[in-house]
């Protein structure tokens, strides 16, 4: 069972970088929509939706970090060009917190602006 879970984790790793890009896009969209919502004084739930999706992605990365640690691995993503021998490894917990905290801030600010 342990080896099967490690194999599944290894197969899942190539699909994590697109999730990081999706989180970055959600963060950018959420901030832009939140600024527009604050400027207009009204707004839809797009900023709040982006914030909640960021929270979900952040919790997912934190859960993946915890699962990897239970399996004895150190899950991380390389943000450098590995073909050139460069490695800039970031653990999943950093990525998870980098999505979770801004997501919660966006949701909180979007709720405050919407109540006014």
PDB file of N, CA and C in Angstrom:
ATOM      1  N   UNK A   1       0.824  -1.192   0.000  1.00  0.00           N
ATOM      2  CA  UNK A   1       0.000   0.000   0.000  1.00  0.00           C
ATOM      3  C   UNK A   1       0.872   1.262   0.000  1.00  0.00           C
ATOM      4  N   UNK A   2       1.919   1.230   0.813  1.00  0.00           N
ATOM      5  CA  UNK A   2       2.817   2.382   0.913  1.00  0.00           C
ATOM      6  C   UNK A   2       3.470   2.674  -0.435  1.00  0.00           C
ATOM      7  N   UNK A   3       3.939   1.638  -1.104  1.00  0.00           N
ATOM      8  CA  UNK A   3       4.600   1.819  -2.396  1.00  0.00           C
ATOM      9  C   UNK A   3       3.607   2.298  -3.454  1.00  0.00           C
ATOM     10  N   UNK A   4       2.368   1.810  -3.389  1.00  0.00           N
ATOM     11  CA  UNK A   4       1.350   2.239  -4.343  1.00  0.00           C
ATOM     12  C   UNK A   4       1.053   3.736  -4.185  1.00  0.00           C
ATOM     13  N   UNK A   5       0.969   4.189  -2.939  1.00  0.00           N
ATOM     14  CA  UNK A   5       0.702   5.608  -2.687  1.00  0.00           C
ATOM     15  C   UNK A   5       1.861   6.480  -3.172  1.00  0.00           C
ATOM     16  N   UNK A   6       3.088   6.030  -2.987  1.00  0.00           N
ATOM     17  CA  UNK A   6       4.244   6.785  -3.484  1.00  0.00           C
ATOM     18  C   UNK A   6       4.222   6.833  -5.008  1.00  0.00           C
ATOM     19  N   UNK A   7       3.852   5.714  -5.642  1.00  0.00           N
ATOM     20  CA  UNK A   7       3.729   5.690  -7.099  1.00  0.00           C
ATOM     21  C   UNK A   7       2.658   6.647  -7.606  1.00  0.00           C
ATOM     22  N   UNK A   8       1.531   6.696  -6.910  1.00  0.00           N
ATOM     23  CA  UNK A   8       0.470   7.633  -7.287  1.00  0.00           C
ATOM     24  C   UNK A   8       0.926   9.080  -7.117  1.00  0.00           C
ATOM     25  N   UNK A   9       1.664   9.339  -6.048  1.00  0.00           N
ATOM     26  CA  UNK A   9       2.163  10.692  -5.820  1.00  0.00           C
ATOM     27  C   UNK A   9       3.141  11.097  -6.919  1.00  0.00           C
ATOM     28  N   UNK A  10       3.976  10.168  -7.334  1.00  0.00           N
ATOM     29  CA  UNK A  10       4.940  10.467  -8.398  1.00  0.00           C
ATOM     30  C   UNK A  10       4.229  10.719  -9.732  1.00  0.00           C
ATOM     31  N   UNK A  11       3.157   9.981  -9.988  1.00  0.00           N
ATOM     32  CA  UNK A  11       2.406  10.186 -11.224  1.00  0.00           C
ATOM     33  C   UNK A  11       1.621  11.493 -11.216  1.00  0.00           C
ATOM     34  N   UNK A  12       1.266  11.966 -10.038  1.00  0.00           N
ATOM     35  CA  UNK A  12       0.474  13.186  -9.913  1.00  0.00           C
ATOM     36  C   UNK A  12       1.329  14.454 -10.003  1.00  0.00           C
ATOM     37  N   UNK A  13       2.615  14.347  -9.731  1.00  0.00           N
ATOM     38  CA  UNK A  13       3.484  15.523  -9.664  1.00  0.00           C
ATOM     39  C   UNK A  13       3.499  16.387 -10.927  1.00  0.00           C
ATOM     40  N   UNK A  14       3.500  15.819 -12.148  1.00  0.00           N
ATOM     41  CA  UNK A  14       3.519  16.699 -13.330  1.00  0.00           C
ATOM     42  C   UNK A  14       2.272  17.571 -13.462  1.00  0.00           C
ATOM     43  N   UNK A  15       1.188  17.191 -12.815  1.00  0.00           N
ATOM     44  CA  UNK A  15      -0.055  17.949 -12.923  1.00  0.00           C
ATOM     45  C   UNK A  15      -0.175  19.046 -11.871  1.00  0.00           C
ATOM     46  N   UNK A  16       0.822  19.177 -11.014  1.00  0.00           N
ATOM     47  CA  UNK A  16       0.743  20.172  -9.948  1.00  0.00           C
ATOM     48  C   UNK A  16       1.138  21.572 -10.428  1.00  0.00           C
ATOM     49  N   UNK A  17       2.054  21.659 -11.365  1.00  0.00           N
ATOM     50  CA  UNK A  17       2.481  22.970 -11.854  1.00  0.00           C
ATOM     51  C   UNK A  17       1.332  23.717 -12.532  1.00  0.00           C
ATOM     52  N   UNK A  18       0.491  23.079 -13.356  1.00  0.00           N
ATOM     53  CA  UNK A  18      -0.665  23.809 -13.893  1.00  0.00           C
ATOM     54  C   UNK A  18      -1.608  24.308 -12.805  1.00  0.00           C
ATOM     55  N   UNK A  19      -1.699  23.581 -11.687  1.00  0.00           N
ATOM     56  CA  UNK A  19      -2.529  24.055 -10.579  1.00  0.00           C
ATOM     57  C   UNK A  19      -1.922  25.302  -9.932  1.00  0.00           C
ATOM     58  N   UNK A  20      -0.602  25.362  -9.894  1.00  0.00           N
ATOM     59  CA  UNK A  20       0.057  26.564  -9.368  1.00  0.00           C
ATOM     60  C   UNK A  20      -0.237  27.754 -10.286  1.00  0.00           C
ATOM     61  N   UNK A  21      -0.150  27.532 -11.602  1.00  0.00           N
ATOM     62  CA  UNK A  21      -0.476  28.602 -12.558  1.00  0.00           C
ATOM     63  C   UNK A  21      -1.943  29.018 -12.436  1.00  0.00           C
ATOM     64  N   UNK A  22      -2.833  28.054 -12.249  1.00  0.00           N
ATOM     65  CA  UNK A  22      -4.253  28.373 -12.074  1.00  0.00           C
ATOM     66  C   UNK A  22      -4.463  29.197 -10.805  1.00  0.00           C
ATOM     67  N   UNK A  23      -3.736  28.864  -9.751  1.00  0.00           N
ATOM     68  CA  UNK A  23      -3.822  29.645  -8.520  1.00  0.00           C
ATOM     69  C   UNK A  23      -3.332  31.069  -8.705  1.00  0.00           C
ATOM     70  N   UNK A  24      -2.244  31.229  -9.472  1.00  0.00           N
ATOM     71  CA  UNK A  24      -1.741  32.573  -9.767  1.00  0.00           C
ATOM     72  C   UNK A  24      -2.731  33.376 -10.585  1.00  0.00           C
ATOM     73  N   UNK A  25      -3.370  32.724 -11.545  1.00  0.00           N
ATOM     74  CA  UNK A  25      -4.386  33.410 -12.355  1.00  0.00           C
ATOM     75  C   UNK A  25      -5.587  33.785 -11.499  1.00  0.00           C
ATOM     76  N   UNK A  26      -6.012  32.881 -10.626  1.00  0.00           N
ATOM     77  CA  UNK A  26      -7.129  33.197  -9.727  1.00  0.00           C
ATOM     78  C   UNK A  26      -6.790  34.358  -8.807  1.00  0.00           C
ATOM     79  N   UNK A  27      -5.560  34.395  -8.327  1.00  0.00           N
ATOM     80  CA  UNK A  27      -5.135  35.493  -7.462  1.00  0.00           C
ATOM     81  C   UNK A  27      -5.177  36.815  -8.214  1.00  0.00           C
ATOM     82  N   UNK A  28      -4.647  36.822  -9.442  1.00  0.00           N
ATOM     83  CA  UNK A  28      -4.642  38.057 -10.230  1.00  0.00           C
ATOM     84  C   UNK A  28      -6.065  38.507 -10.552  1.00  0.00           C
ATOM     85  N   UNK A  29      -6.904  37.593 -10.984  1.00  0.00           N
ATOM     86  CA  UNK A  29      -8.293  37.937 -11.312  1.00  0.00           C
ATOM     87  C   UNK A  29      -9.027  38.416 -10.066  1.00  0.00           C
ATOM     88  N   UNK A  30      -8.820  37.714  -8.955  1.00  0.00           N
ATOM     89  CA  UNK A  30      -9.487  38.100  -7.712  1.00  0.00           C
ATOM     90  C   UNK A  30      -9.105  39.489  -7.249  1.00  0.00           C
ATOM     91  N   UNK A  31      -7.828  39.837  -7.344  1.00  0.00           N
ATOM     92  CA  UNK A  31      -7.376  41.168  -6.918  1.00  0.00           C
ATOM     93  C   UNK A  31      -7.927  42.249  -7.841  1.00  0.00           C
ATOM     94  N   UNK A  32      -7.868  42.016  -9.159  1.00  0.00           N
ATOM     95  CA  UNK A  32      -8.380  43.013 -10.107  1.00  0.00           C
ATOM     96  C   UNK A  32      -9.876  43.225  -9.917  1.00  0.00           C
ATOM     97  N   UNK A  33     -10.624  42.143  -9.775  1.00  0.00           N
ATOM     98  CA  UNK A  33     -12.077  42.263  -9.585  1.00  0.00           C
ATOM     99  C   UNK A  33     -12.385  42.907  -8.240  1.00  0.00           C
ATOM    100  N   UNK A  34     -11.602  42.587  -7.221  1.00  0.00           N
ATOM    101  CA  UNK A  34     -11.825  43.198  -5.905  1.00  0.00           C
ATOM    102  C   UNK A  34     -11.577  44.697  -5.942  1.00  0.00           C
ATOM    103  N   UNK A  35     -10.534  45.125  -6.638  1.00  0.00           N
ATOM    104  CA  UNK A  35     -10.265  46.560  -6.772  1.00  0.00           C
ATOM    105  C   UNK A  35     -11.413  47.240  -7.526  1.00  0.00           C
ATOM    106  N   UNK A  36     -11.891  46.605  -8.590  1.00  0.00           N
ATOM    107  CA  UNK A  36     -13.020  47.164  -9.325  1.00  0.00           C
ATOM    108  C   UNK A  36     -14.269  47.199  -8.457  1.00  0.00           C
ATOM    109  N   UNK A  37     -14.454  46.190  -7.632  1.00  0.00           N
ATOM    110  CA  UNK A  37     -15.612  46.142  -6.740  1.00  0.00           C
ATOM    111  C   UNK A  37     -15.530  47.243  -5.693  1.00  0.00           C
ATOM    112  N   UNK A  38     -14.357  47.499  -5.161  1.00  0.00           N
ATOM    113  CA  UNK A  38     -14.183  48.560  -4.177  1.00  0.00           C
ATOM    114  C   UNK A  38     -14.398  49.924  -4.835  1.00  0.00           C
ATOM    115  N   UNK A  39     -13.871  50.103  -6.045  1.00  0.00           N
ATOM    116  CA  UNK A  39     -14.001  51.381  -6.732  1.00  0.00           C
ATOM    117  C   UNK A  39     -15.456  51.693  -7.076  1.00  0.00           C
ATOM    118  N   UNK A  40     -16.210  50.681  -7.453  1.00  0.00           N
ATOM    119  CA  UNK A  40     -17.600  50.924  -7.841  1.00  0.00           C
ATOM    120  C   UNK A  40     -18.541  50.913  -6.645  1.00  0.00           C
ATOM    121  N   UNK A  41     -18.113  50.336  -5.545  1.00  0.00           N
ATOM    122  CA  UNK A  41     -18.965  50.283  -4.373  1.00  0.00           C
ATOM    123  C   UNK A  41     -19.978  49.153  -4.423  1.00  0.00           C
ATOM    124  N   UNK A  42     -20.016  48.453  -5.480  1.00  0.00           N
ATOM    125  CA  UNK A  42     -20.910  47.302  -5.606  1.00  0.00           C
ATOM    126  C   UNK A  42     -20.185  46.253  -6.430  1.00  0.00           C
ATOM    127  N   UNK A  43     -20.712  45.119  -6.463  1.00  0.00           N
ATOM    128  CA  UNK A  43     -20.059  44.093  -7.266  1.00  0.00           C
ATOM    129  C   UNK A  43     -20.691  42.747  -7.073  1.00  0.00           C
ATOM    130  N   UNK A  44     -20.373  41.875  -7.964  1.00  0.00           N
ATOM    131  CA  UNK A  44     -20.885  40.523  -7.894  1.00  0.00           C
ATOM    132  C   UNK A  44     -20.022  39.670  -6.994  1.00  0.00           C
ATOM    133  N   UNK A  45     -20.215  38.420  -7.115  1.00  0.00           N
ATOM    134  CA  UNK A  45     -19.495  37.495  -6.268  1.00  0.00           C
ATOM    135  C   UNK A  45     -18.249  36.925  -6.915  1.00  0.00           C
ATOM    136  N   UNK A  46     -17.778  37.533  -8.013  1.00  0.00           N
ATOM    137  CA  UNK A  46     -16.621  36.969  -8.700  1.00  0.00           C
ATOM    138  C   UNK A  46     -15.370  37.023  -7.832  1.00  0.00           C
ATOM    139  N   UNK A  47     -15.155  38.107  -7.133  1.00  0.00           N
ATOM    140  CA  UNK A  47     -13.975  38.204  -6.263  1.00  0.00           C
ATOM    141  C   UNK A  47     -14.065  37.177  -5.141  1.00  0.00           C
ATOM    142  N   UNK A  48     -15.248  37.046  -4.579  1.00  0.00           N
ATOM    143  CA  UNK A  48     -15.433  36.075  -3.504  1.00  0.00           C
ATOM    144  C   UNK A  48     -15.253  34.647  -4.023  1.00  0.00           C
ATOM    145  N   UNK A  49     -15.731  34.383  -5.223  1.00  0.00           N
ATOM    146  CA  UNK A  49     -15.568  33.057  -5.818  1.00  0.00           C
ATOM    147  C   UNK A  49     -14.097  32.755  -6.076  1.00  0.00           C
ATOM    148  N   UNK A  50     -13.371  33.719  -6.610  1.00  0.00           N
ATOM    149  CA  UNK A  50     -11.927  33.537  -6.817  1.00  0.00           C
ATOM    150  C   UNK A  50     -11.227  33.286  -5.491  1.00  0.00           C
ATOM    151  N   UNK A  51     -11.629  34.013  -4.457  1.00  0.00           N
ATOM    152  CA  UNK A  51     -11.037  33.828  -3.137  1.00  0.00           C
ATOM    153  C   UNK A  51     -11.287  32.434  -2.587  1.00  0.00           C
ATOM    154  N   UNK A  52     -12.522  31.954  -2.716  1.00  0.00           N
ATOM    155  CA  UNK A  52     -12.828  30.616  -2.216  1.00  0.00           C
ATOM    156  C   UNK A  52     -12.102  29.539  -3.006  1.00  0.00           C
ATOM    157  N   UNK A  53     -11.968  29.723  -4.318  1.00  0.00           N
ATOM    158  CA  UNK A  53     -11.207  28.758  -5.119  1.00  0.00           C
ATOM    159  C   UNK A  53      -9.737  28.742  -4.709  1.00  0.00           C
ATOM    160  N   UNK A  54      -9.198  29.926  -4.383  1.00  0.00           N
ATOM    161  CA  UNK A  54      -7.824  29.991  -3.873  1.00  0.00           C
ATOM    162  C   UNK A  54      -7.699  29.261  -2.540  1.00  0.00           C
ATOM    163  N   UNK A  55      -8.685  29.430  -1.684  1.00  0.00           N
ATOM    164  CA  UNK A  55      -8.680  28.728  -0.392  1.00  0.00           C
ATOM    165  C   UNK A  55      -8.695  27.218  -0.617  1.00  0.00           C
ATOM    166  N   UNK A  56      -9.536  26.756  -1.541  1.00  0.00           N
ATOM    167  CA  UNK A  56      -9.615  25.315  -1.826  1.00  0.00           C
ATOM    168  C   UNK A  56      -8.286  24.806  -2.363  1.00  0.00           C
ATOM    169  N   UNK A  57      -7.678  25.535  -3.295  1.00  0.00           N
ATOM    170  CA  UNK A  57      -6.373  25.124  -3.827  1.00  0.00           C
ATOM    171  C   UNK A  57      -5.301  25.119  -2.733  1.00  0.00           C
ATOM    172  N   UNK A  58      -5.333  26.131  -1.873  1.00  0.00           N
ATOM    173  CA  UNK A  58      -4.359  26.190  -0.783  1.00  0.00           C
ATOM    174  C   UNK A  58      -4.491  25.014   0.165  1.00  0.00           C
ATOM    175  N   UNK A  59      -5.718  24.669   0.527  1.00  0.00           N
ATOM    176  CA  UNK A  59      -5.948  23.517   1.404  1.00  0.00           C
ATOM    177  C   UNK A  59      -5.517  22.226   0.702  1.00  0.00           C
ATOM    178  N   UNK A  60      -5.762  22.133  -0.612  1.00  0.00           N
ATOM    179  CA  UNK A  60      -5.328  20.967  -1.373  1.00  0.00           C
ATOM    180  C   UNK A  60      -3.811  20.802  -1.315  1.00  0.00           C
ATOM    181  N   UNK A  61      -3.075  21.884  -1.526  1.00  0.00           N
ATOM    182  CA  UNK A  61      -1.617  21.784  -1.481  1.00  0.00           C
ATOM    183  C   UNK A  61      -1.123  21.460  -0.071  1.00  0.00           C
ATOM    184  N   UNK A  62      -1.768  22.001   0.944  1.00  0.00           N
ATOM    185  CA  UNK A  62      -1.381  21.672   2.311  1.00  0.00           C
ATOM    186  C   UNK A  62      -1.669  20.203   2.624  1.00  0.00           C
ATOM    187  N   UNK A  63      -2.792  19.689   2.122  1.00  0.00           N
ATOM    188  CA  UNK A  63      -3.124  18.280   2.331  1.00  0.00           C
ATOM    189  C   UNK A  63      -2.135  17.383   1.583  1.00  0.00           C
ATOM    190  N   UNK A  64      -1.736  17.788   0.391  1.00  0.00           N
ATOM    191  CA  UNK A  64      -0.730  17.015  -0.358  1.00  0.00           C
ATOM    192  C   UNK A  64       0.601  17.006   0.380  1.00  0.00           C
ATOM    193  N   UNK A  65       0.967  18.119   0.989  1.00  0.00           N
ATOM    194  CA  UNK A  65       2.198  18.180   1.784  1.00  0.00           C
ATOM    195  C   UNK A  65       2.101  17.219   2.955  1.00  0.00           C
ATOM    196  N   UNK A  66       0.968  17.228   3.647  1.00  0.00           N
ATOM    197  CA  UNK A  66       0.802  16.333   4.796  1.00  0.00           C
ATOM    198  C   UNK A  66       0.849  14.872   4.361  1.00  0.00           C
ATOM    199  N   UNK A  67       0.185  14.545   3.245  1.00  0.00           N
ATOM    200  CA  UNK A  67       0.196  13.164   2.754  1.00  0.00           C
ATOM    201  C   UNK A  67       1.609  12.750   2.344  1.00  0.00           C
ATOM    202  N   UNK A  68       2.331  13.649   1.712  1.00  0.00           N
ATOM    203  CA  UNK A  68       3.709  13.344   1.323  1.00  0.00           C
ATOM    204  C   UNK A  68       4.606  13.125   2.528  1.00  0.00           C
ATOM    205  N   UNK A  69       4.406  13.919   3.566  1.00  0.00           N
ATOM    206  CA  UNK A  69       5.215  13.749   4.763  1.00  0.00           C
ATOM    207  C   UNK A  69       4.903  12.419   5.454  1.00  0.00           C
ATOM    208  N   UNK A  70       3.636  12.003   5.437  1.00  0.00           N
ATOM    209  CA  UNK A  70       3.276  10.710   6.013  1.00  0.00           C
ATOM    210  C   UNK A  70       3.948   9.582   5.244  1.00  0.00           C
ATOM    211  N   UNK A  71       4.065   9.747   3.927  1.00  0.00           N
ATOM    212  CA  UNK A  71       4.708   8.723   3.098  1.00  0.00           C
ATOM    213  C   UNK A  71       6.234   8.799   3.142  1.00  0.00           C
ATOM    214  N   UNK A  72       6.766   9.806   3.803  1.00  0.00           N
ATOM    215  CA  UNK A  72       8.213   9.930   3.920  1.00  0.00           C
ATOM    216  C   UNK A  72       8.851  10.671   2.767  1.00  0.00           C
ATOM    217  N   UNK A  73       8.055  11.401   2.013  1.00  0.00           N
ATOM    218  CA  UNK A  73       8.573  12.174   0.879  1.00  0.00           C
ATOM    219  C   UNK A  73       8.530  13.655   1.226  1.00  0.00           C
ATOM    220  N   UNK A  74       9.214  14.437   0.438  1.00  0.00           N
ATOM    221  CA  UNK A  74       9.186  15.890   0.603  1.00  0.00           C
ATOM    222  C   UNK A  74       8.649  16.488  -0.692  1.00  0.00           C
ATOM    223  N   UNK A  75       7.331  16.576  -0.845  1.00  0.00           N
ATOM    224  CA  UNK A  75       6.776  17.075  -2.103  1.00  0.00           C
ATOM    225  C   UNK A  75       7.135  18.538  -2.329  1.00  0.00           C
ATOM    226  N   UNK A  76       7.630  18.818  -3.528  1.00  0.00           N
ATOM    227  CA  UNK A  76       8.008  20.179  -3.882  1.00  0.00           C
ATOM    228  C   UNK A  76       7.903  20.352  -5.383  1.00  0.00           C
ATOM    229  N   UNK A  77       7.882  21.607  -5.805  1.00  0.00           N
ATOM    230  CA  UNK A  77       7.793  21.946  -7.218  1.00  0.00           C
ATOM    231  C   UNK A  77       9.034  22.732  -7.588  1.00  0.00           C
ATOM    232  N   UNK A  78       9.604  22.411  -8.744  1.00  0.00           N
ATOM    233  CA  UNK A  78      10.789  23.096  -9.233  1.00  0.00           C
ATOM    234  C   UNK A  78      10.353  24.270 -10.113  1.00  0.00           C
ATOM    235  N   UNK A  79      10.705  25.479  -9.701  1.00  0.00           N
ATOM    236  CA  UNK A  79      10.352  26.674 -10.453  1.00  0.00           C
ATOM    237  C   UNK A  79      11.483  27.140 -11.372  1.00  0.00           C
ATOM    238  N   UNK A  80      12.561  26.389 -11.437  1.00  0.00           N
ATOM    239  CA  UNK A  80      13.690  26.738 -12.311  1.00  0.00           C
ATOM    240  C   UNK A  80      13.711  25.786 -13.505  1.00  0.00           C
ATOM    241  N   UNK A  81      14.653  26.008 -14.391  1.00  0.00           N
ATOM    242  CA  UNK A  81      14.799  25.174 -15.576  1.00  0.00           C
ATOM    243  C   UNK A  81      15.707  23.998 -15.240  1.00  0.00           C
ATOM    244  N   UNK A  82      15.109  22.825 -15.079  1.00  0.00           N
ATOM    245  CA  UNK A  82      15.891  21.658 -14.680  1.00  0.00           C
ATOM    246  C   UNK A  82      16.766  21.132 -15.821  1.00  0.00           C
ATOM    247  N   UNK A  83      16.455  21.511 -17.069  1.00  0.00           N
ATOM    248  CA  UNK A  83      17.302  21.060 -18.181  1.00  0.00           C
ATOM    249  C   UNK A  83      18.669  21.718 -18.138  1.00  0.00           C
ATOM    250  N   UNK A  84      18.753  22.883 -17.520  1.00  0.00           N
ATOM    251  CA  UNK A  84      20.031  23.583 -17.373  1.00  0.00           C
ATOM    252  C   UNK A  84      20.721  23.237 -16.053  1.00  0.00           C
ATOM    253  N   UNK A  85      20.090  22.382 -15.274  1.00  0.00           N
ATOM    254  CA  UNK A  85      20.671  22.021 -13.991  1.00  0.00           C
ATOM    255  C   UNK A  85      20.319  22.980 -12.876  1.00  0.00           C
ATOM    256  N   UNK A  86      19.370  23.875 -13.130  1.00  0.00           N
ATOM    257  CA  UNK A  86      18.940  24.819 -12.098  1.00  0.00           C
ATOM    258  C   UNK A  86      17.780  24.206 -11.314  1.00  0.00           C
ATOM    259  N   UNK A  87      17.817  24.395 -10.019  1.00  0.00           N
ATOM    260  CA  UNK A  87      16.738  23.884  -9.180  1.00  0.00           C
ATOM    261  C   UNK A  87      16.344  24.949  -8.176  1.00  0.00           C
ATOM    262  N   UNK A  88      15.079  25.289  -8.162  1.00  0.00           N
ATOM    263  CA  UNK A  88      14.501  26.198  -7.185  1.00  0.00           C
ATOM    264  C   UNK A  88      13.258  25.496  -6.643  1.00  0.00           C
ATOM    265  N   UNK A  89      13.478  24.590  -5.713  1.00  0.00           N
ATOM    266  CA  UNK A  89      12.402  23.761  -5.192  1.00  0.00           C
ATOM    267  C   UNK A  89      11.645  24.498  -4.091  1.00  0.00           C
ATOM    268  N   UNK A  90      10.347  24.521  -4.224  1.00  0.00           N
ATOM    269  CA  UNK A  90       9.473  25.102  -3.204  1.00  0.00           C
ATOM    270  C   UNK A  90       8.549  24.015  -2.685  1.00  0.00           C
ATOM    271  N   UNK A  91       8.508  23.810  -1.377  1.00  0.00           N
ATOM    272  CA  UNK A  91       7.616  22.782  -0.828  1.00  0.00           C
ATOM    273  C   UNK A  91       6.146  23.175  -0.989  1.00  0.00           C
ATOM    274  N   UNK A  92       5.303  22.161  -0.966  1.00  0.00           N
ATOM    275  CA  UNK A  92       3.875  22.388  -1.171  1.00  0.00           C
ATOM    276  C   UNK A  92       3.261  23.270  -0.090  1.00  0.00           C
ATOM    277  N   UNK A  93       3.791  23.222   1.130  1.00  0.00           N
ATOM    278  CA  UNK A  93       3.181  24.020   2.184  1.00  0.00           C
ATOM    279  C   UNK A  93       3.353  25.513   1.903  1.00  0.00           C
ATOM    280  N   UNK A  94       4.473  25.900   1.301  1.00  0.00           N
ATOM    281  CA  UNK A  94       4.658  27.312   0.940  1.00  0.00           C
ATOM    282  C   UNK A  94       3.665  27.736  -0.132  1.00  0.00           C
ATOM    283  N   UNK A  95       3.467  26.874  -1.109  1.00  0.00           N
ATOM    284  CA  UNK A  95       2.519  27.182  -2.178  1.00  0.00           C
ATOM    285  C   UNK A  95       1.102  27.210  -1.619  1.00  0.00           C
ATOM    286  N   UNK A  96       0.797  26.253  -0.741  1.00  0.00           N
ATOM    287  CA  UNK A  96      -0.536  26.201  -0.134  1.00  0.00           C
ATOM    288  C   UNK A  96      -0.844  27.432   0.695  1.00  0.00           C
ATOM    289  N   UNK A  97       0.104  27.853   1.514  1.00  0.00           N
ATOM    290  CA  UNK A  97      -0.116  29.061   2.313  1.00  0.00           C
ATOM    291  C   UNK A  97      -0.160  30.306   1.432  1.00  0.00           C
ATOM    292  N   UNK A  98       0.606  30.279   0.331  1.00  0.00           N
ATOM    293  CA  UNK A  98       0.615  31.400  -0.611  1.00  0.00           C
ATOM    294  C   UNK A  98      -0.705  31.553  -1.345  1.00  0.00           C
ATOM    295  N   UNK A  99      -1.522  30.527  -1.341  1.00  0.00           N
ATOM    296  CA  UNK A  99      -2.855  30.622  -1.933  1.00  0.00           C
ATOM    297  C   UNK A  99      -3.934  30.782  -0.864  1.00  0.00           C
ATOM    298  N   UNK A 100      -3.750  30.116   0.265  1.00  0.00           N
ATOM    299  CA  UNK A 100      -4.756  30.128   1.323  1.00  0.00           C
ATOM    300  C   UNK A 100      -4.927  31.514   1.941  1.00  0.00           C
ATOM    301  N   UNK A 101      -3.834  32.133   2.326  1.00  0.00           N
ATOM    302  CA  UNK A 101      -3.911  33.430   3.021  1.00  0.00           C
ATOM    303  C   UNK A 101      -4.481  34.534   2.120  1.00  0.00           C
ATOM    304  N   UNK A 102      -3.977  34.725   0.892  1.00  0.00           N
ATOM    305  CA  UNK A 102      -4.591  35.748   0.038  1.00  0.00           C
ATOM    306  C   UNK A 102      -6.045  35.430  -0.301  1.00  0.00           C
ATOM    307  N   UNK A 103      -6.373  34.139  -0.431  1.00  0.00           N
ATOM    308  CA  UNK A 103      -7.752  33.761  -0.700  1.00  0.00           C
ATOM    309  C   UNK A 103      -8.677  34.179   0.430  1.00  0.00           C
ATOM    310  N   UNK A 104      -8.247  33.948   1.668  1.00  0.00           N
ATOM    311  CA  UNK A 104      -9.058  34.357   2.819  1.00  0.00           C
ATOM    312  C   UNK A 104      -9.181  35.879   2.904  1.00  0.00           C
ATOM    313  N   UNK A 105      -8.104  36.585   2.579  1.00  0.00           N
ATOM    314  CA  UNK A 105      -8.148  38.055   2.595  1.00  0.00           C
ATOM    315  C   UNK A 105      -9.117  38.572   1.533  1.00  0.00           C
ATOM    316  N   UNK A 106      -9.057  38.005   0.336  1.00  0.00           N
ATOM    317  CA  UNK A 106      -9.964  38.427  -0.741  1.00  0.00           C
ATOM    318  C   UNK A 106     -11.411  38.174  -0.348  1.00  0.00           C
ATOM    319  N   UNK A 107     -11.688  37.006   0.224  1.00  0.00           N
ATOM    320  CA  UNK A 107     -13.064  36.685   0.648  1.00  0.00           C
ATOM    321  C   UNK A 107     -13.527  37.661   1.727  1.00  0.00           C
ATOM    322  N   UNK A 108     -12.677  37.956   2.706  1.00  0.00           N
ATOM    323  CA  UNK A 108     -13.062  38.858   3.793  1.00  0.00           C
ATOM    324  C   UNK A 108     -13.331  40.273   3.276  1.00  0.00           C
ATOM    325  N   UNK A 109     -12.474  40.781   2.420  1.00  0.00           N
ATOM    326  CA  UNK A 109     -12.656  42.138   1.889  1.00  0.00           C
ATOM    327  C   UNK A 109     -13.881  42.183   0.970  1.00  0.00           C
ATOM    328  N   UNK A 110     -14.080  41.141   0.161  1.00  0.00           N
ATOM    329  CA  UNK A 110     -15.239  41.113  -0.736  1.00  0.00           C
ATOM    330  C   UNK A 110     -16.542  41.087   0.074  1.00  0.00           C
ATOM    331  N   UNK A 111     -16.558  40.394   1.199  1.00  0.00           N
ATOM    332  CA  UNK A 111     -17.755  40.386   2.047  1.00  0.00           C
ATOM    333  C   UNK A 111     -18.008  41.755   2.665  1.00  0.00           C
ATOM    334  N   UNK A 112     -16.928  42.422   3.101  1.00  0.00           N
ATOM    335  CA  UNK A 112     -17.090  43.746   3.718  1.00  0.00           C
ATOM    336  C   UNK A 112     -17.590  44.765   2.705  1.00  0.00           C
ATOM    337  N   UNK A 113     -17.064  44.762   1.512  1.00  0.00           N
ATOM    338  CA  UNK A 113     -17.462  45.723   0.491  1.00  0.00           C
ATOM    339  C   UNK A 113     -18.903  45.469   0.067  1.00  0.00           C
ATOM    340  N   UNK A 114     -19.285  44.230  -0.010  1.00  0.00           N
ATOM    341  CA  UNK A 114     -20.623  43.889  -0.481  1.00  0.00           C
ATOM    342  C   UNK A 114     -21.692  44.269   0.527  1.00  0.00           C
ATOM    343  N   UNK A 115     -21.373  44.273   1.826  1.00  0.00           N
ATOM    344  CA  UNK A 115     -22.358  44.601   2.856  1.00  0.00           C
ATOM    345  C   UNK A 115     -22.685  46.082   2.897  1.00  0.00           C
ATOM    346  N   UNK A 116     -21.790  46.925   2.416  1.00  0.00           N
ATOM    347  CA  UNK A 116     -21.995  48.380   2.521  1.00  0.00           C
ATOM    348  C   UNK A 116     -23.128  48.854   1.652  1.00  0.00           C
TER     349      UNK A 116
END
